[in-house]
Amino acid sequence: MPEADPADDLALIVDAAREAGEIAQGYFQANPQTWEKPGGAGPVSEGDLAVDRMLREGLTAARPGYGWLSEESEDDPARLAAHRCFIVDPIDGTRAFIAGEDHWAHSIAVAERGQIVAAVVYLPVLGKLYAASRGQGATFNGRPIRTSARDVADGATVLGAKTNFDPALWPGGMPRLTRNFRPSLAYRLALVAEGRFDAMITFRDTWEWDVAAGCLLVEEAGGMFSDRDARLPAFNNARPALRGMVAAGRALHAALRPHFAPQAG
């Protein structure tokens, strides 16, 4: 079977995200059953699992040669040999979902040999759909979006948890930043792609499914992303975790880099 064009993959995952939204909203604010994952990995709800089942069945049936990596599925090492792989967070921001808050998202990406080629981040309660395919730009509800044009670090508006603003994590000195927060990492990246915030930062190890889709949104909106060491990460790794994530417009990313990257020597 010929491999799909990334634009065709994008159409597929956009439809899947919308269907995921319908399923998830059936559990939202309806007192869903919840569990704590082993090892302090956080909560999961029956809504997460229902969305995961639907996405896995539908997407792998449509693209039987693709690998599958999801927060809520048992990992299958066969994905490492696949030319393309779905990388999925069925509900990013599960704590917010369980609490009945609006800022949770479905995050679906397609990786090809380490690069994301199609991506969607969908917030069904808010009616927000962000999408991108490689080389075709990024959109918010069908309209093109661009990252912020800010080119200096001081004064930047940054999405991130409070722990990321410890001066010890900034070997080059922490600039004057204005911190904001959203519970979904995927949504944080989408907001940077949209230009509503200047940057997104997390210095802790970050699961691929949380950021894969959002990274392509940022890139296709004219921005740049890297790990906390200022290296460009690859996706669909044997251990699907990255060394943090810093995303911003290209000029601002370059301005931030001397502050957060390990100093030579």
Protein backbone atom coordinates (compact mmCIF):
# COMPACT_ATOMS: atom_id res chain seq x y z
CA MET A 1 0.00 0.00 0.00
CA PRO A 2 1.49 3.43 -0.95
CA GLU A 3 2.33 5.65 2.01
CA ALA A 4 -0.08 8.51 2.64
CA ASP A 5 0.88 12.11 2.02
CA PRO A 6 1.26 14.07 5.29
CA ALA A 7 -1.72 16.22 4.26
CA ASP A 8 -3.83 13.05 4.03
CA ASP A 9 -2.56 11.94 7.42
CA LEU A 10 -3.54 15.36 8.77
CA ALA A 11 -7.08 15.02 7.45
CA LEU A 12 -7.29 11.59 9.07
CA ILE A 13 -6.11 12.73 12.49
CA VAL A 14 -8.26 15.88 12.46
CA ASP A 15 -11.35 13.71 11.94
CA ALA A 16 -10.11 11.37 14.68
CA ALA A 17 -9.58 14.27 17.09
CA ARG A 18 -13.11 15.52 16.53
CA GLU A 19 -14.49 12.04 17.21
CA ALA A 20 -12.30 11.85 20.33
CA GLY A 21 -13.85 15.10 21.51
CA GLU A 22 -17.34 13.68 21.22
CA ILE A 23 -16.37 10.62 23.27
CA ALA A 24 -14.49 12.59 25.92
CA GLN A 25 -17.31 15.05 26.44
CA GLY A 26 -19.57 12.15 27.32
CA TYR A 27 -17.40 11.67 30.44
CA PHE A 28 -16.56 15.32 31.10
CA GLN A 29 -18.21 16.74 34.23
CA ALA A 30 -19.99 13.40 34.60
CA ASN A 31 -18.00 12.01 37.55
CA PRO A 32 -15.94 9.53 35.50
CA GLN A 33 -14.20 6.65 37.21
CA THR A 34 -10.55 7.47 37.88
CA TRP A 35 -7.38 5.66 39.00
CA GLU A 36 -3.87 6.60 40.00
CA LYS A 37 -1.19 5.12 37.76
CA PRO A 38 1.63 3.12 39.35
CA GLY A 39 4.84 4.87 40.31
CA GLY A 40 3.28 8.28 40.84
CA ALA A 41 2.62 8.71 37.11
CA GLY A 42 -0.58 10.63 37.74
CA PRO A 43 -4.29 9.99 37.26
CA VAL A 44 -6.16 8.35 34.43
CA SER A 45 -9.90 8.27 33.84
CA GLU A 46 -12.28 6.03 31.99
CA GLY A 47 -12.58 8.88 29.50
CA ASP A 48 -8.85 8.66 28.70
CA LEU A 49 -9.13 4.93 28.12
CA ALA A 50 -12.25 5.19 25.96
CA VAL A 51 -10.63 7.81 23.74
CA ASP A 52 -7.43 5.76 23.52
CA ARG A 53 -9.34 2.66 22.37
CA MET A 54 -11.22 4.55 19.69
CA LEU A 55 -8.13 6.27 18.36
CA ARG A 56 -6.01 3.14 18.30
CA GLU A 57 -8.65 1.05 16.57
CA GLY A 58 -9.54 3.71 14.03
CA LEU A 59 -6.11 5.07 13.19
CA THR A 60 -4.26 1.76 12.97
CA ALA A 61 -7.05 0.34 10.82
CA ALA A 62 -6.71 3.30 8.45
CA ARG A 63 -2.88 3.09 8.44
CA PRO A 64 -2.01 -0.55 9.22
CA GLY A 65 1.71 -0.08 8.57
CA TYR A 66 2.13 2.71 11.12
CA GLY A 67 3.46 2.23 14.63
CA TRP A 68 1.54 3.26 17.74
CA LEU A 69 2.75 5.16 20.80
CA SER A 70 0.20 6.41 23.32
CA GLU A 71 0.27 7.42 26.96
CA GLU A 72 -2.59 5.02 27.69
CA SER A 73 -1.52 1.97 25.64
CA GLU A 74 1.01 -0.70 26.49
CA ASP A 75 4.15 0.09 24.51
CA ASP A 76 4.84 -2.11 21.50
CA PRO A 77 8.53 -2.08 20.44
CA ALA A 78 7.42 -2.85 16.88
CA ARG A 79 6.81 0.90 16.50
CA LEU A 80 10.58 1.44 16.38
CA ALA A 81 10.80 -0.36 13.04
CA ALA A 82 7.84 1.46 11.49
CA HIS A 83 8.54 4.19 8.91
CA ARG A 84 5.76 6.26 10.44
CA CYS A 85 4.27 6.18 13.93
CA PHE A 86 1.23 7.74 15.59
CA ILE A 87 2.16 9.55 18.83
CA VAL A 88 -0.95 10.19 20.90
CA ASP A 89 -2.06 11.66 24.19
CA PRO A 90 -5.76 10.75 24.35
CA ILE A 91 -6.42 13.48 26.93
CA ASP A 92 -3.57 15.86 27.72
CA GLY A 93 -4.41 17.60 30.97
CA THR A 94 -6.19 14.69 32.65
CA ARG A 95 -6.19 16.42 36.04
CA ALA A 96 -8.06 19.36 34.53
CA PHE A 97 -10.44 16.97 32.75
CA ILE A 98 -11.24 15.16 36.01
CA ALA A 99 -11.67 18.48 37.82
CA GLY A 100 -14.21 19.64 35.23
CA GLU A 101 -11.96 22.41 33.89
CA ASP A 102 -11.88 23.39 30.21
CA HIS A 103 -8.18 23.40 29.32
CA TRP A 104 -7.57 19.78 28.27
CA ALA A 105 -6.77 18.59 24.79
CA HIS A 106 -6.47 15.68 22.42
CA SER A 107 -2.95 15.56 20.97
CA ILE A 108 -2.28 13.42 17.88
CA ALA A 109 0.88 13.42 15.76
CA VAL A 110 2.48 11.36 13.02
CA ALA A 111 6.26 10.89 13.20
CA GLU A 112 8.36 9.88 10.21
CA ARG A 113 11.95 8.83 10.94
CA GLY A 114 12.12 11.04 14.01
CA GLN A 115 10.35 14.10 12.59
CA ILE A 116 6.71 15.06 13.09
CA VAL A 117 4.95 15.40 9.73
CA ALA A 118 1.30 15.88 10.75
CA ALA A 119 -0.22 17.13 13.99
CA VAL A 120 -3.46 18.20 15.63
CA VAL A 121 -4.22 19.62 19.08
CA TYR A 122 -7.95 19.86 19.77
CA LEU A 123 -9.72 21.37 22.78
CA PRO A 124 -13.33 20.27 22.31
CA VAL A 125 -14.88 22.21 25.20
CA LEU A 126 -13.35 25.46 23.92
CA GLY A 127 -13.90 24.63 20.25
CA LYS A 128 -10.21 25.15 19.43
CA LEU A 129 -8.50 23.06 16.76
CA TYR A 130 -4.84 23.59 15.89
CA ALA A 131 -3.40 21.67 12.94
CA ALA A 132 -0.24 21.42 10.85
CA SER A 133 1.44 19.25 8.24
CA ARG A 134 5.10 19.55 7.34
CA GLY A 135 5.80 22.33 4.89
CA GLN A 136 2.18 23.54 4.82
CA GLY A 137 2.04 25.92 7.77
CA ALA A 138 -0.03 25.80 10.95
CA THR A 139 -3.64 26.82 11.50
CA PHE A 140 -6.05 27.64 14.32
CA ASN A 141 -9.65 26.82 13.38
CA GLY A 142 -8.61 26.96 9.73
CA ARG A 143 -6.77 30.30 9.89
CA PRO A 144 -2.97 30.58 9.48
CA ILE A 145 -1.03 31.36 12.66
CA ARG A 146 2.46 32.68 13.42
CA THR A 147 4.62 32.73 16.51
CA SER A 148 5.45 35.95 18.34
CA ALA A 149 7.97 38.27 16.72
CA ARG A 150 9.61 39.13 20.07
CA ASP A 151 13.40 38.97 19.83
CA VAL A 152 14.53 39.84 23.37
CA ALA A 153 14.22 37.63 26.43
CA ASP A 154 13.47 40.29 29.04
CA GLY A 155 9.74 40.90 29.23
CA ALA A 156 8.71 37.73 27.40
CA THR A 157 5.45 36.02 28.37
CA VAL A 158 6.23 32.36 29.06
CA LEU A 159 3.99 29.36 29.71
CA GLY A 160 5.40 27.00 32.32
CA ALA A 161 5.07 25.53 35.79
CA LYS A 162 6.52 27.54 38.66
CA THR A 163 9.35 25.03 39.19
CA ASN A 164 10.90 26.03 35.85
CA PHE A 165 11.61 29.53 37.13
CA ASP A 166 14.14 28.52 39.75
CA PRO A 167 17.31 30.54 38.95
CA ALA A 168 19.38 27.38 39.46
CA LEU A 169 17.90 26.04 36.20
CA TRP A 170 19.21 29.01 34.23
CA PRO A 171 23.02 28.66 34.06
CA GLY A 172 23.30 31.80 31.93
CA GLY A 173 21.17 33.85 34.31
CA MET A 174 17.37 34.01 34.31
CA PRO A 175 15.92 36.88 32.29
CA ARG A 176 12.89 38.88 33.48
CA LEU A 177 9.97 36.75 32.36
CA THR A 178 6.22 36.89 32.96
CA ARG A 179 4.96 33.42 33.85
CA ASN A 180 1.60 32.00 32.76
CA PHE A 181 0.22 28.48 33.05
CA ARG A 182 -2.10 26.04 31.29
CA PRO A 183 -2.39 22.40 32.45
CA SER A 184 -1.97 20.85 28.98
CA LEU A 185 1.55 20.89 27.53
CA ALA A 186 0.09 20.41 24.05
CA TYR A 187 -2.11 23.49 24.52
CA ARG A 188 0.84 25.53 25.81
CA LEU A 189 2.72 24.78 22.59
CA ALA A 190 -0.36 25.59 20.50
CA LEU A 191 -0.68 28.97 22.22
CA VAL A 192 2.96 29.72 21.40
CA ALA A 193 2.32 28.74 17.78
CA GLU A 194 -0.69 31.08 17.78
CA GLY A 195 1.48 33.94 19.07
CA ARG A 196 -0.67 34.50 22.17
CA PHE A 197 2.38 33.82 24.37
CA ASP A 198 6.02 34.28 23.50
CA ALA A 199 7.45 30.98 24.73
CA MET A 200 6.82 27.70 26.53
CA ILE A 201 9.36 26.11 28.88
CA THR A 202 9.60 22.87 30.81
CA PHE A 203 12.99 21.69 32.03
CA ARG A 204 11.86 18.32 33.41
CA ASP A 205 11.96 15.19 31.25
CA THR A 206 8.91 15.30 29.00
CA TRP A 207 6.98 12.44 27.42
CA GLU A 208 6.81 12.57 23.65
CA TRP A 209 3.03 12.26 23.55
CA ASP A 210 2.70 15.52 25.49
CA VAL A 211 4.66 17.63 22.99
CA ALA A 212 4.95 15.85 19.62
CA ALA A 213 1.94 17.52 17.99
CA GLY A 214 2.62 20.92 19.55
CA CYS A 215 6.21 20.98 18.33
CA LEU A 216 5.14 20.77 14.70
CA LEU A 217 2.58 23.53 15.29
CA VAL A 218 5.37 25.79 16.59
CA GLU A 219 7.75 24.89 13.78
CA GLU A 220 5.18 25.39 11.02
CA ALA A 221 4.12 28.70 12.61
CA GLY A 222 7.69 29.95 12.14
CA GLY A 223 9.05 29.07 15.57
CA MET A 224 11.76 26.87 17.04
CA PHE A 225 11.79 24.14 19.66
CA SER A 226 14.60 22.32 21.45
CA ASP A 227 15.28 20.28 24.56
CA ARG A 228 16.72 21.91 27.69
CA ASP A 229 20.24 21.42 26.29
CA ALA A 230 19.25 23.46 23.19
CA ARG A 231 19.36 20.34 21.00
CA LEU A 232 16.73 19.50 18.39
CA PRO A 233 14.94 16.37 19.66
CA ALA A 234 13.86 13.38 17.60
CA PHE A 235 10.65 11.44 18.18
CA ASN A 236 9.62 7.78 18.45
CA ASN A 237 12.53 6.88 20.71
CA ALA A 238 12.90 3.57 22.54
CA ARG A 239 12.36 5.52 25.77
CA PRO A 240 9.81 8.06 24.56
CA ALA A 241 10.96 10.96 26.70
CA LEU A 242 12.77 14.18 25.85
CA ARG A 243 15.11 16.28 27.97
CA GLY A 244 12.57 19.02 28.52
CA MET A 245 11.17 21.45 25.95
CA VAL A 246 11.74 25.11 25.10
CA ALA A 247 9.63 26.58 22.29
CA ALA A 248 9.35 30.13 21.00
CA GLY A 249 9.61 32.24 17.89
CA ARG A 250 13.00 31.73 16.27
CA ALA A 251 14.42 35.08 17.32
CA LEU A 252 13.30 34.68 20.91
CA HIS A 253 14.51 31.08 21.10
CA ALA A 254 17.95 32.31 20.02
CA ALA A 255 17.78 35.06 22.65
CA LEU A 256 16.75 32.62 25.39
CA ARG A 257 19.29 29.94 24.51
CA PRO A 258 22.32 31.51 26.28
CA HIS A 259 20.22 31.74 29.45
CA PHE A 260 18.99 28.12 29.66
CA ALA A 261 21.53 26.03 27.76
CA PRO A 262 24.44 24.48 29.69
CA GLN A 263 27.46 26.72 29.47
CA ALA A 264 30.56 25.43 27.68
CA GLY A 265 33.76 24.94 29.59
